[in-house]
PDB file of N, CA and C in Angstrom:
ATOM      1  N   MET A   1     136.181 -43.238 189.999  1.00  0.00           N
ATOM      2  CA  MET A   1     136.519 -43.544 191.373  1.00  0.00           C
ATOM      3  C   MET A   1     137.632 -44.590 191.383  1.00  0.00           C
ATOM      4  N   ALA A   2     138.635 -44.396 192.200  1.00  0.00           N
ATOM      5  CA  ALA A   2     139.772 -45.300 192.255  1.00  0.00           C
ATOM      6  C   ALA A   2     139.459 -46.523 193.104  1.00  0.00           C
ATOM      7  N   ASP A   3     140.006 -47.660 192.685  1.00  0.00           N
ATOM      8  CA  ASP A   3     139.858 -48.879 193.476  1.00  0.00           C
ATOM      9  C   ASP A   3     140.784 -48.804 194.669  1.00  0.00           C
ATOM     10  N   VAL A   4     140.292 -49.247 195.812  1.00  0.00           N
ATOM     11  CA  VAL A   4     141.103 -49.260 197.023  1.00  0.00           C
ATOM     12  C   VAL A   4     141.201 -50.703 197.491  1.00  0.00           C
ATOM     13  N   GLU A   5     142.399 -51.158 197.687  1.00  0.00           N
ATOM     14  CA  GLU A   5     142.637 -52.521 198.144  1.00  0.00           C
ATOM     15  C   GLU A   5     142.355 -52.594 199.643  1.00  0.00           C
ATOM     16  N   LEU A   6     141.471 -53.499 200.042  1.00  0.00           N
ATOM     17  CA  LEU A   6     141.149 -53.691 201.444  1.00  0.00           C
ATOM     18  C   LEU A   6     141.847 -54.931 201.972  1.00  0.00           C
ATOM     19  N   LEU A   7     142.138 -54.926 203.246  1.00  0.00           N
ATOM     20  CA  LEU A   7     142.785 -56.043 203.913  1.00  0.00           C
ATOM     21  C   LEU A   7     141.736 -56.796 204.721  1.00  0.00           C
ATOM     22  N   ARG A   8     141.645 -58.105 204.514  1.00  0.00           N
ATOM     23  CA  ARG A   8     140.719 -58.918 205.297  1.00  0.00           C
ATOM     24  C   ARG A   8     141.386 -59.262 206.620  1.00  0.00           C
ATOM     25  N   VAL A   9     140.609 -59.179 207.687  1.00  0.00           N
ATOM     26  CA  VAL A   9     141.084 -59.447 209.036  1.00  0.00           C
ATOM     27  C   VAL A   9     140.196 -60.538 209.631  1.00  0.00           C
ATOM     28  N   VAL A  10     140.796 -61.501 210.325  1.00  0.00           N
ATOM     29  CA  VAL A  10     140.029 -62.573 210.966  1.00  0.00           C
ATOM     30  C   VAL A  10     140.387 -62.659 212.442  1.00  0.00           C
ATOM     31  N   HIS A  11     139.527 -63.320 213.185  1.00  0.00           N
ATOM     32  CA  HIS A  11     139.702 -63.502 214.629  1.00  0.00           C
ATOM     33  C   HIS A  11     140.227 -64.910 214.880  1.00  0.00           C
ATOM     34  N   VAL A  12     141.388 -65.019 215.525  1.00  0.00           N
ATOM     35  CA  VAL A  12     141.976 -66.315 215.872  1.00  0.00           C
ATOM     36  C   VAL A  12     142.536 -66.228 217.286  1.00  0.00           C
ATOM     37  N   ASP A  13     141.985 -66.999 218.186  1.00  0.00           N
ATOM     38  CA  ASP A  13     142.488 -67.099 219.566  1.00  0.00           C
ATOM     39  C   ASP A  13     142.698 -65.750 220.249  1.00  0.00           C
ATOM     40  N   GLY A  14     141.703 -64.884 220.176  1.00  0.00           N
ATOM     41  CA  GLY A  14     141.790 -63.597 220.862  1.00  0.00           C
ATOM     42  C   GLY A  14     142.623 -62.548 220.154  1.00  0.00           C
ATOM     43  N   ARG A  15     143.018 -62.829 218.923  1.00  0.00           N
ATOM     44  CA  ARG A  15     143.827 -61.887 218.146  1.00  0.00           C
ATOM     45  C   ARG A  15     143.124 -61.554 216.842  1.00  0.00           C
ATOM     46  N   ALA A  16     143.273 -60.329 216.403  1.00  0.00           N
ATOM     47  CA  ALA A  16     142.830 -59.921 215.072  1.00  0.00           C
ATOM     48  C   ALA A  16     144.059 -60.007 214.181  1.00  0.00           C
ATOM     49  N   ILE A  17     144.012 -60.898 213.194  1.00  0.00           N
ATOM     50  CA  ILE A  17     145.183 -61.097 212.338  1.00  0.00           C
ATOM     51  C   ILE A  17     144.819 -60.859 210.884  1.00  0.00           C
ATOM     52  N   PRO A  18     145.793 -60.440 210.077  1.00  0.00           N
ATOM     53  CA  PRO A  18     145.516 -60.204 208.657  1.00  0.00           C
ATOM     54  C   PRO A  18     145.370 -61.521 207.899  1.00  0.00           C
ATOM     55  N   ASP A  19     144.527 -61.495 206.897  1.00  0.00           N
ATOM     56  CA  ASP A  19     144.324 -62.642 206.013  1.00  0.00           C
ATOM     57  C   ASP A  19     144.509 -62.152 204.575  1.00  0.00           C
ATOM     58  N   PRO A  20     145.759 -61.908 204.168  1.00  0.00           N
ATOM     59  CA  PRO A  20     145.998 -61.319 202.849  1.00  0.00           C
ATOM     60  C   PRO A  20     145.543 -62.191 201.680  1.00  0.00           C
ATOM     61  N   ARG A  21     145.528 -63.514 201.857  1.00  0.00           N
ATOM     62  CA  ARG A  21     145.084 -64.394 200.771  1.00  0.00           C
ATOM     63  C   ARG A  21     143.568 -64.570 200.748  1.00  0.00           C
ATOM     64  N   ARG A  22     142.900 -64.057 201.788  1.00  0.00           N
ATOM     65  CA  ARG A  22     141.438 -64.095 201.890  1.00  0.00           C
ATOM     66  C   ARG A  22     140.905 -65.519 201.856  1.00  0.00           C
ATOM     67  N   ARG A  23     141.586 -66.419 202.568  1.00  0.00           N
ATOM     68  CA  ARG A  23     141.217 -67.832 202.545  1.00  0.00           C
ATOM     69  C   ARG A  23     140.915 -68.421 203.920  1.00  0.00           C
ATOM     70  N   MET A  24     141.246 -67.710 204.986  1.00  0.00           N
ATOM     71  CA  MET A  24     141.078 -68.271 206.323  1.00  0.00           C
ATOM     72  C   MET A  24     139.591 -68.407 206.647  1.00  0.00           C
ATOM     73  N   PRO A  25     139.242 -69.455 207.396  1.00  0.00           N
ATOM     74  CA  PRO A  25     137.833 -69.662 207.719  1.00  0.00           C
ATOM     75  C   PRO A  25     137.348 -68.666 208.766  1.00  0.00           C
ATOM     76  N   GLY A  26     136.061 -68.541 208.832  1.00  0.00           N
ATOM     77  CA  GLY A  26     135.454 -67.718 209.863  1.00  0.00           C
ATOM     78  C   GLY A  26     135.019 -66.359 209.369  1.00  0.00           C
ATOM     79  N   ARG A  27     134.443 -65.665 210.293  1.00  0.00           N
ATOM     80  CA  ARG A  27     133.910 -64.341 210.035  1.00  0.00           C
ATOM     81  C   ARG A  27     135.067 -63.378 209.800  1.00  0.00           C
ATOM     82  N   GLY A  28     134.988 -62.586 208.783  1.00  0.00           N
ATOM     83  CA  GLY A  28     136.052 -61.640 208.480  1.00  0.00           C
ATOM     84  C   GLY A  28     135.576 -60.206 208.584  1.00  0.00           C
ATOM     85  N   ALA A  29     136.504 -59.325 208.750  1.00  0.00           N
ATOM     86  CA  ALA A  29     136.250 -57.889 208.729  1.00  0.00           C
ATOM     87  C   ALA A  29     137.211 -57.288 207.707  1.00  0.00           C
ATOM     88  N   TRP A  30     136.877 -56.141 207.193  1.00  0.00           N
ATOM     89  CA  TRP A  30     137.691 -55.505 206.158  1.00  0.00           C
ATOM     90  C   TRP A  30     138.216 -54.168 206.657  1.00  0.00           C
ATOM     91  N   LEU A  31     139.448 -53.868 206.273  1.00  0.00           N
ATOM     92  CA  LEU A  31     140.120 -52.673 206.765  1.00  0.00           C
ATOM     93  C   LEU A  31     140.983 -52.081 205.660  1.00  0.00           C
ATOM     94  N   HIS A  32     140.988 -50.753 205.555  1.00  0.00           N
ATOM     95  CA  HIS A  32     141.970 -50.113 204.689  1.00  0.00           C
ATOM     96  C   HIS A  32     143.336 -50.325 205.329  1.00  0.00           C
ATOM     97  N   PRO A  33     144.341 -50.724 204.586  1.00  0.00           N
ATOM     98  CA  PRO A  33     145.670 -50.919 205.184  1.00  0.00           C
ATOM     99  C   PRO A  33     146.349 -49.585 205.444  1.00  0.00           C
ATOM    100  N   ASP A  34     145.800 -48.860 206.391  1.00  0.00           N
ATOM    101  CA  ASP A  34     146.263 -47.523 206.733  1.00  0.00           C
ATOM    102  C   ASP A  34     146.271 -47.406 208.257  1.00  0.00           C
ATOM    103  N   PRO A  35     147.382 -46.974 208.852  1.00  0.00           N
ATOM    104  CA  PRO A  35     147.444 -46.878 210.315  1.00  0.00           C
ATOM    105  C   PRO A  35     146.335 -46.019 210.923  1.00  0.00           C
ATOM    106  N   GLU A  36     145.911 -44.971 210.221  1.00  0.00           N
ATOM    107  CA  GLU A  36     144.834 -44.126 210.735  1.00  0.00           C
ATOM    108  C   GLU A  36     143.515 -44.892 210.790  1.00  0.00           C
ATOM    109  N   CYS A  37     143.235 -45.688 209.775  1.00  0.00           N
ATOM    110  CA  CYS A  37     141.999 -46.485 209.761  1.00  0.00           C
ATOM    111  C   CYS A  37     142.029 -47.532 210.869  1.00  0.00           C
ATOM    112  N   LEU A  38     143.185 -48.133 211.094  1.00  0.00           N
ATOM    113  CA  LEU A  38     143.312 -49.108 212.173  1.00  0.00           C
ATOM    114  C   LEU A  38     143.085 -48.440 213.524  1.00  0.00           C
ATOM    115  N   ALA A  39     143.644 -47.252 213.714  1.00  0.00           N
ATOM    116  CA  ALA A  39     143.465 -46.534 214.981  1.00  0.00           C
ATOM    117  C   ALA A  39     141.992 -46.195 215.209  1.00  0.00           C
ATOM    118  N   LYS A  40     141.305 -45.780 214.148  1.00  0.00           N
ATOM    119  CA  LYS A  40     139.868 -45.475 214.273  1.00  0.00           C
ATOM    120  C   LYS A  40     139.070 -46.725 214.601  1.00  0.00           C
ATOM    121  N   ALA A  41     139.414 -47.840 213.960  1.00  0.00           N
ATOM    122  CA  ALA A  41     138.705 -49.096 214.226  1.00  0.00           C
ATOM    123  C   ALA A  41     138.914 -49.532 215.673  1.00  0.00           C
ATOM    124  N   GLU A  42     140.125 -49.374 216.186  1.00  0.00           N
ATOM    125  CA  GLU A  42     140.402 -49.723 217.582  1.00  0.00           C
ATOM    126  C   GLU A  42     139.614 -48.823 218.523  1.00  0.00           C
ATOM    127  N   LYS A  43     139.612 -47.536 218.249  1.00  0.00           N
ATOM    128  CA  LYS A  43     138.922 -46.577 219.102  1.00  0.00           C
ATOM    129  C   LYS A  43     137.418 -46.867 219.146  1.00  0.00           C
ATOM    130  N   ARG A  44     136.857 -47.248 218.013  1.00  0.00           N
ATOM    131  CA  ARG A  44     135.420 -47.520 217.928  1.00  0.00           C
ATOM    132  C   ARG A  44     135.062 -48.938 218.355  1.00  0.00           C
ATOM    133  N   ARG A  45     136.077 -49.739 218.719  1.00  0.00           N
ATOM    134  CA  ARG A  45     135.883 -51.146 219.093  1.00  0.00           C
ATOM    135  C   ARG A  45     135.164 -51.911 217.975  1.00  0.00           C
ATOM    136  N   ALA A  46     135.608 -51.652 216.758  1.00  0.00           N
ATOM    137  CA  ALA A  46     134.968 -52.242 215.587  1.00  0.00           C
ATOM    138  C   ALA A  46     135.243 -53.737 215.448  1.00  0.00           C
ATOM    139  N   PHE A  47     136.429 -54.199 215.820  1.00  0.00           N
ATOM    140  CA  PHE A  47     136.752 -55.614 215.629  1.00  0.00           C
ATOM    141  C   PHE A  47     135.950 -56.544 216.530  1.00  0.00           C
ATOM    142  N   PRO A  48     135.854 -56.285 217.821  1.00  0.00           N
ATOM    143  CA  PRO A  48     135.014 -57.177 218.635  1.00  0.00           C
ATOM    144  C   PRO A  48     133.556 -57.206 218.153  1.00  0.00           C
ATOM    145  N   ARG A  49     133.075 -56.064 217.707  1.00  0.00           N
ATOM    146  CA  ARG A  49     131.705 -56.002 217.194  1.00  0.00           C
ATOM    147  C   ARG A  49     131.569 -56.792 215.893  1.00  0.00           C
ATOM    148  N   ALA A  50     132.530 -56.641 214.988  1.00  0.00           N
ATOM    149  CA  ALA A  50     132.478 -57.334 213.697  1.00  0.00           C
ATOM    150  C   ALA A  50     132.596 -58.848 213.863  1.00  0.00           C
ATOM    151  N   PHE A  51     133.426 -59.271 214.808  1.00  0.00           N
ATOM    152  CA  PHE A  51     133.637 -60.706 215.023  1.00  0.00           C
ATOM    153  C   PHE A  51     132.654 -61.300 216.028  1.00  0.00           C
ATOM    154  N   ARG A  52     131.826 -60.423 216.617  1.00  0.00           N
ATOM    155  CA  ARG A  52     130.845 -60.861 217.605  1.00  0.00           C
ATOM    156  C   ARG A  52     131.498 -61.587 218.778  1.00  0.00           C
ATOM    157  N   VAL A  53     132.531 -60.976 219.342  1.00  0.00           N
ATOM    158  CA  VAL A  53     133.216 -61.526 220.509  1.00  0.00           C
ATOM    159  C   VAL A  53     133.207 -60.481 221.622  1.00  0.00           C
ATOM    160  N   GLN A  54     133.339 -60.946 222.841  1.00  0.00           N
ATOM    161  CA  GLN A  54     133.390 -60.061 224.001  1.00  0.00           C
ATOM    162  C   GLN A  54     134.841 -59.709 224.311  1.00  0.00           C
ATOM    163  N   GLY A  55     135.060 -58.517 224.829  1.00  0.00           N
ATOM    164  CA  GLY A  55     136.387 -58.139 225.279  1.00  0.00           C
ATOM    165  C   GLY A  55     137.237 -57.483 224.209  1.00  0.00           C
ATOM    166  N   VAL A  56     138.485 -57.298 224.565  1.00  0.00           N
ATOM    167  CA  VAL A  56     139.443 -56.611 223.703  1.00  0.00           C
ATOM    168  C   VAL A  56     140.250 -57.641 222.925  1.00  0.00           C
ATOM    169  N   LEU A  57     140.531 -57.344 221.666  1.00  0.00           N
ATOM    170  CA  LEU A  57     141.347 -58.227 220.834  1.00  0.00           C
ATOM    171  C   LEU A  57     142.762 -57.667 220.713  1.00  0.00           C
ATOM    172  N   ASP A  58     143.731 -58.550 220.633  1.00  0.00           N
ATOM    173  CA  ASP A  58     145.123 -58.163 220.413  1.00  0.00           C
ATOM    174  C   ASP A  58     145.298 -57.817 218.932  1.00  0.00           C
ATOM    175  N   VAL A  59     145.747 -56.616 218.645  1.00  0.00           N
ATOM    176  CA  VAL A  59     145.934 -56.178 217.261  1.00  0.00           C
ATOM    177  C   VAL A  59     147.392 -55.872 216.927  1.00  0.00           C
ATOM    178  N   ALA A  60     148.314 -56.326 217.765  1.00  0.00           N
ATOM    179  CA  ALA A  60     149.735 -56.023 217.538  1.00  0.00           C
ATOM    180  C   ALA A  60     150.221 -56.578 216.197  1.00  0.00           C
ATOM    181  N   GLY A  61     149.876 -57.815 215.875  1.00  0.00           N
ATOM    182  CA  GLY A  61     150.285 -58.405 214.604  1.00  0.00           C
ATOM    183  C   GLY A  61     149.644 -57.709 213.420  1.00  0.00           C
ATOM    184  N   LEU A  62     148.396 -57.328 213.582  1.00  0.00           N
ATOM    185  CA  LEU A  62     147.688 -56.598 212.529  1.00  0.00           C
ATOM    186  C   LEU A  62     148.334 -55.226 212.316  1.00  0.00           C
ATOM    187  N   ARG A  63     148.681 -54.565 213.399  1.00  0.00           N
ATOM    188  CA  ARG A  63     149.328 -53.253 213.296  1.00  0.00           C
ATOM    189  C   ARG A  63     150.647 -53.366 212.535  1.00  0.00           C
ATOM    190  N   SER A  64     151.423 -54.393 212.820  1.00  0.00           N
ATOM    191  CA  SER A  64     152.692 -54.599 212.105  1.00  0.00           C
ATOM    192  C   SER A  64     152.458 -54.816 210.620  1.00  0.00           C
ATOM    193  N   ALA A  65     151.428 -55.595 210.287  1.00  0.00           N
ATOM    194  CA  ALA A  65     151.113 -55.869 208.882  1.00  0.00           C
ATOM    195  C   ALA A  65     150.671 -54.603 208.160  1.00  0.00           C
ATOM    196  N   VAL A  66     149.874 -53.782 208.819  1.00  0.00           N
ATOM    197  CA  VAL A  66     149.404 -52.530 208.215  1.00  0.00           C
ATOM    198  C   VAL A  66     150.580 -51.585 207.994  1.00  0.00           C
ATOM    199  N   GLU A  67     151.454 -51.476 208.972  1.00  0.00           N
ATOM    200  CA  GLU A  67     152.619 -50.604 208.814  1.00  0.00           C
ATOM    201  C   GLU A  67     153.540 -51.107 207.707  1.00  0.00           C
ATOM    202  N   ALA A  68     153.690 -52.423 207.601  1.00  0.00           N
ATOM    203  CA  ALA A  68     154.513 -52.994 206.525  1.00  0.00           C
ATOM    204  C   ALA A  68     153.876 -52.734 205.163  1.00  0.00           C
ATOM    205  N   ALA A  69     152.554 -52.791 205.095  1.00  0.00           N
ATOM    206  CA  ALA A  69     151.852 -52.529 203.836  1.00  0.00           C
ATOM    207  C   ALA A  69     152.046 -51.084 203.408  1.00  0.00           C
ATOM    208  N   VAL A  70     152.039 -50.167 204.350  1.00  0.00           N
ATOM    209  CA  VAL A  70     152.238 -48.754 204.031  1.00  0.00           C
ATOM    210  C   VAL A  70     153.655 -48.533 203.530  1.00  0.00           C
ATOM    211  N   VAL A  71     154.634 -49.134 204.184  1.00  0.00           N
ATOM    212  CA  VAL A  71     156.028 -49.002 203.768  1.00  0.00           C
ATOM    213  C   VAL A  71     156.231 -49.642 202.396  1.00  0.00           C
ATOM    214  N   GLY A  72     155.528 -50.747 202.142  1.00  0.00           N
ATOM    215  CA  GLY A  72     155.639 -51.449 200.868  1.00  0.00           C
ATOM    216  C   GLY A  72     154.876 -50.791 199.738  1.00  0.00           C
ATOM    217  N   GLY A  73     154.124 -49.737 200.030  1.00  0.00           N
ATOM    218  CA  GLY A  73     153.410 -49.015 198.979  1.00  0.00           C
ATOM    219  C   GLY A  73     151.990 -49.465 198.768  1.00  0.00           C
ATOM    220  N   ILE A  74     151.459 -50.324 199.624  1.00  0.00           N
ATOM    221  CA  ILE A  74     150.079 -50.768 199.501  1.00  0.00           C
ATOM    222  C   ILE A  74     149.269 -49.962 200.498  1.00  0.00           C
ATOM    223  N   GLY A  75     148.161 -49.410 200.069  1.00  0.00           N
ATOM    224  CA  GLY A  75     147.295 -48.663 200.976  1.00  0.00           C
ATOM    225  C   GLY A  75     147.802 -47.258 201.201  1.00  0.00           C
ATOM    226  N   ALA A  76     147.188 -46.569 202.149  1.00  0.00           N
ATOM    227  CA  ALA A  76     147.529 -45.194 202.519  1.00  0.00           C
ATOM    228  C   ALA A  76     147.635 -44.293 201.299  1.00  0.00           C
ATOM    229  N   GLY A  77     146.567 -44.248 200.528  1.00  0.00           N
ATOM    230  CA  GLY A  77     146.538 -43.378 199.378  1.00  0.00           C
ATOM    231  C   GLY A  77     146.982 -44.049 198.095  1.00  0.00           C
ATOM    232  N   HIS A  78     147.500 -45.246 198.172  1.00  0.00           N
ATOM    233  CA  HIS A  78     147.917 -45.964 196.976  1.00  0.00           C
ATOM    234  C   HIS A  78     146.696 -46.604 196.334  1.00  0.00           C
ATOM    235  N   SER A  79     146.478 -46.322 195.091  1.00  0.00           N
ATOM    236  CA  SER A  79     145.385 -46.970 194.381  1.00  0.00           C
ATOM    237  C   SER A  79     145.826 -47.242 192.953  1.00  0.00           C
ATOM    238  N   ARG A  80     145.236 -48.252 192.377  1.00  0.00           N
ATOM    239  CA  ARG A  80     145.562 -48.609 191.005  1.00  0.00           C
ATOM    240  C   ARG A  80     144.409 -48.188 190.113  1.00  0.00           C
ATOM    241  N   SER A  81     144.743 -47.710 188.947  1.00  0.00           N
ATOM    242  CA  SER A  81     143.691 -47.331 188.009  1.00  0.00           C
ATOM    243  C   SER A  81     143.119 -48.579 187.358  1.00  0.00           C
ATOM    244  N   VAL A  82     141.981 -48.409 186.744  1.00  0.00           N
ATOM    245  CA  VAL A  82     141.334 -49.529 186.057  1.00  0.00           C
ATOM    246  C   VAL A  82     142.239 -50.047 184.945  1.00  0.00           C
ATOM    247  N   GLU A  83     142.938 -49.162 184.271  1.00  0.00           N
ATOM    248  CA  GLU A  83     143.831 -49.562 183.190  1.00  0.00           C
ATOM    249  C   GLU A  83     144.946 -50.472 183.704  1.00  0.00           C
ATOM    250  N   GLU A  84     145.467 -50.220 184.894  1.00  0.00           N
ATOM    251  CA  GLU A  84     146.530 -51.044 185.449  1.00  0.00           C
ATOM    252  C   GLU A  84     146.025 -52.424 185.836  1.00  0.00           C
ATOM    253  N   ASN A  85     144.736 -52.539 186.173  1.00  0.00           N
ATOM    254  CA  ASN A  85     144.162 -53.811 186.597  1.00  0.00           C
ATOM    255  C   ASN A  85     143.785 -54.716 185.434  1.00  0.00           C
ATOM    256  N   ARG A  86     143.655 -54.169 184.246  1.00  0.00           N
ATOM    257  CA  ARG A  86     143.239 -54.967 183.099  1.00  0.00           C
ATOM    258  C   ARG A  86     144.335 -55.895 182.614  1.00  0.00           C
ATOM    259  N   LYS A  87     143.935 -57.068 182.173  1.00  0.00           N
ATOM    260  CA  LYS A  87     144.888 -58.025 181.616  1.00  0.00           C
ATOM    261  C   LYS A  87     145.188 -57.647 180.180  1.00  0.00           C
ATOM    262  N   GLN A  88     146.397 -57.951 179.736  1.00  0.00           N
ATOM    263  CA  GLN A  88     146.778 -57.705 178.367  1.00  0.00           C
ATOM    264  C   GLN A  88     146.154 -58.759 177.467  1.00  0.00           C
ATOM    265  N   VAL A  89     145.606 -58.332 176.362  1.00  0.00           N
ATOM    266  CA  VAL A  89     144.965 -59.225 175.410  1.00  0.00           C
ATOM    267  C   VAL A  89     145.682 -59.102 174.070  1.00  0.00           C
ATOM    268  N   ASP A  90     145.983 -60.242 173.468  1.00  0.00           N
ATOM    269  CA  ASP A  90     146.618 -60.246 172.160  1.00  0.00           C
ATOM    270  C   ASP A  90     145.582 -59.831 171.104  1.00  0.00           C
ATOM    271  N   PRO A  91     145.817 -58.734 170.370  1.00  0.00           N
ATOM    272  CA  PRO A  91     144.817 -58.234 169.419  1.00  0.00           C
ATOM    273  C   PRO A  91     144.707 -59.053 168.141  1.00  0.00           C
ATOM    274  N   SER A  92     145.532 -60.064 167.924  1.00  0.00           N
ATOM    275  CA  SER A  92     145.485 -60.808 166.661  1.00  0.00           C
ATOM    276  C   SER A  92     144.419 -61.838 166.588  1.00  0.00           C
TER     277      SER A  92
END
């Protein structure tokens, strides 16, 4: 099974924003960096439920980040094999 890189999303001042370094405080949600997954999450109202907030969240910044990730080659079918993730070890 291939590893899939997930994007952490946090709630800040009524906005769902990406947390690529995975360091921001608070409750986080995880998303595949794929525009289709973001659209499904919006349709299902997954972010307000995950963050336990009332109302609609602004996802414009998150949408831009997801689209940039797809253009940059991260997500949307991009996966790294286990061999690519391993560190090089000196055999001597």
